[in-house]
C-alpha cells in the first residue's frame, strides 16, 4: 500500500482520542480465562480447519507430547 493510500485510509482518524474510563466495564470474557493462559486468534484459513477450541487443544497437546522436554525459563512480560 502506498503512503498516499495509507493517508487516505486514515484521514478520518483523529490524532488523539480521549476515552472516558469511568464508563468502562470489566471484560465479560476475562473470568473464563485461567491465570497463565494464552489467548490466540487463528487466521481464517486455520479457523476453517480447527473449528472448535477442543480441536485446537487436541492438536497442540499431540505436538507438545511429541516435543523433547524443554528447560524452564523466565516468563515474558
Protein backbone atom coordinates (compact mmCIF):
# COMPACT_ATOMS: atom_id res chain seq x y z
CA UNK A 1 0.00 0.00 0.00
CA UNK A 2 1.39 3.39 -0.94
CA UNK A 3 1.85 6.25 1.51
CA UNK A 4 -0.96 8.20 -0.18
CA UNK A 5 -3.33 5.25 0.19
CA UNK A 6 -2.48 4.99 3.89
CA UNK A 7 -3.11 8.71 4.40
CA UNK A 8 -6.48 8.46 2.63
CA UNK A 9 -7.43 5.37 4.62
CA UNK A 10 -6.62 7.07 7.95
CA UNK A 11 -7.98 10.52 7.03
CA UNK A 12 -11.00 10.11 9.31
CA UNK A 13 -8.86 9.13 12.32
CA UNK A 14 -8.10 11.76 14.92
CA UNK A 15 -4.53 12.32 16.04
CA UNK A 16 -5.62 11.71 19.62
CA UNK A 17 -8.64 10.20 21.36
CA UNK A 18 -9.84 10.96 24.89
CA UNK A 19 -11.53 7.95 26.45
CA UNK A 20 -13.88 8.18 29.41
CA UNK A 21 -12.69 5.26 31.52
CA UNK A 22 -15.34 5.99 34.14
CA UNK A 23 -17.87 4.34 31.81
CA UNK A 24 -15.70 1.28 31.12
CA UNK A 25 -16.96 -2.15 32.13
CA UNK A 26 -14.99 -5.27 33.05
CA UNK A 27 -14.30 -7.73 30.23
CA UNK A 28 -17.15 -10.24 30.48
CA UNK A 29 -14.96 -12.97 28.97
CA UNK A 30 -11.95 -12.49 31.24
CA UNK A 31 -13.23 -14.64 34.11
CA UNK A 32 -13.42 -17.65 31.75
CA UNK A 33 -9.68 -17.42 31.04
CA UNK A 34 -7.49 -19.22 33.58
CA UNK A 35 -4.46 -17.45 35.06
CA UNK A 36 -1.40 -18.12 32.91
CA UNK A 37 -3.43 -18.87 29.77
CA UNK A 38 -2.51 -17.60 26.33
CA UNK A 39 -5.30 -16.48 24.00
CA UNK A 40 -4.61 -16.94 20.29
CA UNK A 41 -6.63 -15.75 17.30
CA UNK A 42 -6.47 -18.13 14.34
CA UNK A 43 -6.17 -16.83 10.82
CA UNK A 44 -9.27 -17.57 8.70
CA UNK A 45 -7.57 -20.42 6.80
CA UNK A 46 -6.69 -22.20 10.06
CA UNK A 47 -10.07 -21.42 11.62
CA UNK A 48 -11.70 -23.35 8.77
CA UNK A 49 -9.74 -26.45 9.79
CA UNK A 50 -9.82 -26.07 13.58
CA UNK A 51 -13.44 -25.09 14.19
CA UNK A 52 -13.56 -25.64 17.96
CA UNK A 53 -11.28 -24.94 20.92
CA UNK A 54 -11.24 -28.68 21.62
CA UNK A 55 -9.74 -29.45 18.19
CA UNK A 56 -7.08 -26.79 18.64
CA UNK A 57 -6.22 -28.11 22.11
CA UNK A 58 -6.07 -31.71 20.87
CA UNK A 59 -3.56 -30.99 18.10
CA UNK A 60 -1.45 -28.73 20.31
CA UNK A 61 -1.37 -31.40 23.04
CA UNK A 62 -0.26 -34.00 20.48
CA UNK A 63 2.51 -31.71 19.24
CA UNK A 64 3.59 -30.87 22.79
CA UNK A 65 3.79 -34.57 23.73
CA UNK A 66 5.98 -35.27 20.70
CA UNK A 67 8.43 -32.49 21.53
CA UNK A 68 11.51 -33.09 23.68
CA UNK A 69 11.31 -31.65 27.22
CA UNK A 70 12.33 -28.01 27.46
CA UNK A 71 14.22 -26.20 30.18
CA UNK A 72 12.00 -23.87 32.24
CA UNK A 73 12.69 -20.22 31.51
CA UNK A 74 11.60 -16.88 32.86
CA UNK A 75 8.13 -15.72 31.83
CA UNK A 76 7.87 -12.94 29.29
CA UNK A 77 6.12 -9.85 30.49
